[in-house]
Amino acid sequence: AVFTTGVGPFLPALSMSASTRPVLGTSWDLSVDVIPAGTLAGFHWFGIANPNLPDLAVIGLPGCGLYADLDVVGGPWVPTAGTPFLYSFAIPAAPATLNGIELFTQAAMFASPAVTPFFGLETTNGVKGTIGDQ
């Protein structure tokens, strides 16, 4: 088990995970977890590249990163604190040339009180999936 010691408080971080793999002809199912109280709205996005920008402090988002291009954006949606937000990305069955393509996804929330100077925006970790045929 992972644990933290030292001076607190220690708040769980907003996170994202996948419950399925992106397989041709199915849906890639994802979950945003540890949604804090006071979250006003959220959105998620998918991209075919990972810009790998681990610290966006220069634009007012300290501690936030960008791990998926914003090629397809979903939302806004209204999350419920303590309840995972579930969403899916439909993977077409054809063409077979999609097999092996990498997809990246990430989400963000607007919280109140603001946790960052940029309208209280907080990002999740990124999730990578490689499209497969089984």
Protein backbone atom coordinates (compact mmCIF):
# COMPACT_ATOMS: atom_id res chain seq x y z
CA ALA A 1 0.00 0.00 0.00
CA VAL A 2 1.10 3.55 -0.69
CA PHE A 3 1.07 5.99 2.20
CA THR A 4 2.34 9.47 2.93
CA THR A 5 4.04 10.74 6.06
CA GLY A 6 4.93 14.21 7.26
CA VAL A 7 2.97 17.40 7.71
CA GLY A 8 -0.50 17.30 6.11
CA PRO A 9 -3.15 17.67 5.03
CA PHE A 10 -2.81 15.05 2.33
CA LEU A 11 -5.61 15.23 -0.18
CA PRO A 12 -6.13 12.46 -2.71
CA ALA A 13 -5.33 13.60 -6.22
CA LEU A 14 -7.88 13.78 -9.00
CA SER A 15 -7.15 10.70 -11.12
CA MET A 16 -8.16 8.80 -14.22
CA SER A 17 -8.09 5.11 -15.07
CA ALA A 18 -9.31 2.76 -17.80
CA SER A 19 -11.52 -0.26 -17.11
CA THR A 20 -11.25 -1.67 -20.65
CA ARG A 21 -8.74 -1.64 -23.49
CA PRO A 22 -9.38 0.18 -26.79
CA VAL A 23 -10.26 -2.76 -29.07
CA LEU A 24 -11.63 -2.42 -32.61
CA GLY A 25 -15.44 -2.50 -32.57
CA THR A 26 -15.76 -1.79 -28.82
CA SER A 27 -15.69 1.14 -26.44
CA TRP A 28 -12.74 2.26 -24.35
CA ASP A 29 -14.26 2.82 -20.90
CA LEU A 30 -12.66 5.34 -18.55
CA SER A 31 -13.24 6.75 -15.09
CA VAL A 32 -12.34 10.03 -13.40
CA ASP A 33 -11.97 9.41 -9.68
CA VAL A 34 -11.34 11.29 -6.43
CA ILE A 35 -13.48 14.21 -7.54
CA PRO A 36 -13.23 16.86 -4.82
CA ALA A 37 -16.16 18.60 -3.15
CA GLY A 38 -16.85 21.96 -4.77
CA THR A 39 -16.16 20.75 -8.30
CA LEU A 40 -18.31 22.83 -10.62
CA ALA A 41 -17.73 21.25 -14.03
CA GLY A 42 -15.45 18.89 -15.86
CA PHE A 43 -14.41 17.98 -19.37
CA HIS A 44 -12.27 15.31 -20.97
CA TRP A 45 -10.35 14.98 -24.19
CA PHE A 46 -8.65 12.49 -26.47
CA GLY A 47 -5.63 12.91 -28.70
CA ILE A 48 -3.29 10.88 -30.85
CA ALA A 49 -0.20 12.43 -29.28
CA ASN A 50 1.13 13.07 -25.79
CA PRO A 51 2.67 16.56 -25.50
CA ASN A 52 4.20 15.42 -22.16
CA LEU A 53 4.04 18.79 -20.42
CA PRO A 54 4.28 17.82 -16.72
CA ASP A 55 4.09 21.32 -15.23
CA LEU A 56 1.80 24.03 -16.59
CA ALA A 57 2.75 26.58 -13.89
CA VAL A 58 3.78 29.05 -16.60
CA ILE A 59 0.07 29.42 -17.56
CA GLY A 60 -1.24 29.43 -13.97
CA LEU A 61 -1.68 25.68 -13.46
CA PRO A 62 1.02 24.66 -10.95
CA GLY A 63 1.10 20.92 -10.37
CA CYS A 64 -0.99 20.22 -13.49
CA GLY A 65 0.22 18.57 -16.67
CA LEU A 66 -0.93 18.02 -20.25
CA TYR A 67 -0.63 14.41 -21.40
CA ALA A 68 -3.07 14.27 -24.33
CA ASP A 69 -3.59 16.53 -27.33
CA LEU A 70 -7.03 18.12 -27.42
CA ASP A 71 -8.10 16.48 -30.71
CA VAL A 72 -11.59 15.46 -29.44
CA VAL A 73 -13.09 17.27 -26.42
CA GLY A 74 -16.13 16.13 -24.42
CA GLY A 75 -18.13 18.11 -21.89
CA PRO A 76 -18.79 20.11 -19.97
CA TRP A 77 -20.34 17.72 -17.50
CA VAL A 78 -21.34 18.22 -13.89
CA PRO A 79 -19.50 15.78 -11.63
CA THR A 80 -20.58 14.67 -8.17
CA ALA A 81 -17.95 14.78 -5.44
CA GLY A 82 -16.94 11.30 -4.33
CA THR A 83 -18.65 9.62 -7.31
CA PRO A 84 -16.53 8.55 -10.30
CA PHE A 85 -17.41 10.14 -13.62
CA LEU A 86 -17.56 7.40 -16.28
CA TYR A 87 -17.17 7.97 -20.01
CA SER A 88 -16.40 5.95 -23.13
CA PHE A 89 -14.72 6.41 -26.47
CA ALA A 90 -16.17 4.30 -29.30
CA ILE A 91 -13.50 2.51 -31.34
CA PRO A 92 -14.71 1.76 -34.88
CA ALA A 93 -14.54 -1.83 -36.14
CA ALA A 94 -12.88 -0.75 -39.38
CA PRO A 95 -10.54 0.02 -40.96
CA ALA A 96 -8.10 -2.58 -39.67
CA THR A 97 -5.30 -0.04 -40.15
CA LEU A 98 -6.41 1.53 -36.84
CA ASN A 99 -4.83 -1.47 -35.12
CA GLY A 100 -1.73 -0.32 -33.24
CA ILE A 101 -2.60 3.40 -33.10
CA GLU A 102 -1.98 4.99 -29.71
CA LEU A 103 -4.69 7.10 -28.06
CA PHE A 104 -4.21 9.41 -25.10
CA THR A 105 -6.88 10.82 -22.79
CA GLN A 106 -7.09 13.15 -19.85
CA ALA A 107 -9.69 15.16 -17.91
CA ALA A 108 -9.88 18.41 -15.98
CA MET A 109 -12.18 19.92 -13.37
CA PHE A 110 -13.09 23.45 -12.38
CA ALA A 111 -13.20 23.58 -8.58
CA SER A 112 -14.38 26.11 -6.02
CA PRO A 113 -12.56 27.25 -4.03
CA ALA A 114 -9.94 27.59 -6.72
CA VAL A 115 -7.05 25.13 -6.38
CA THR A 116 -5.05 26.89 -9.12
CA PRO A 117 -4.90 30.53 -10.24
CA PHE A 118 -6.43 29.60 -13.63
CA PHE A 119 -10.14 29.48 -12.67
CA GLY A 120 -9.51 26.60 -10.26
CA LEU A 121 -8.70 24.19 -13.10
CA GLU A 122 -7.09 20.91 -12.07
CA THR A 123 -6.02 18.14 -14.47
CA THR A 124 -5.88 14.38 -14.02
CA ASN A 125 -3.06 12.09 -14.97
CA GLY A 126 -3.05 10.94 -18.60
CA VAL A 127 -4.00 7.47 -19.79
CA LYS A 128 -2.56 5.83 -22.91
CA GLY A 129 -4.25 3.04 -24.84
CA THR A 130 -3.11 1.23 -27.96
CA ILE A 131 -5.90 0.10 -30.30
CA GLY A 132 -5.94 -3.66 -30.68
CA ASP A 133 -7.98 -6.25 -32.52
CA GLN A 134 -8.70 -8.52 -29.53
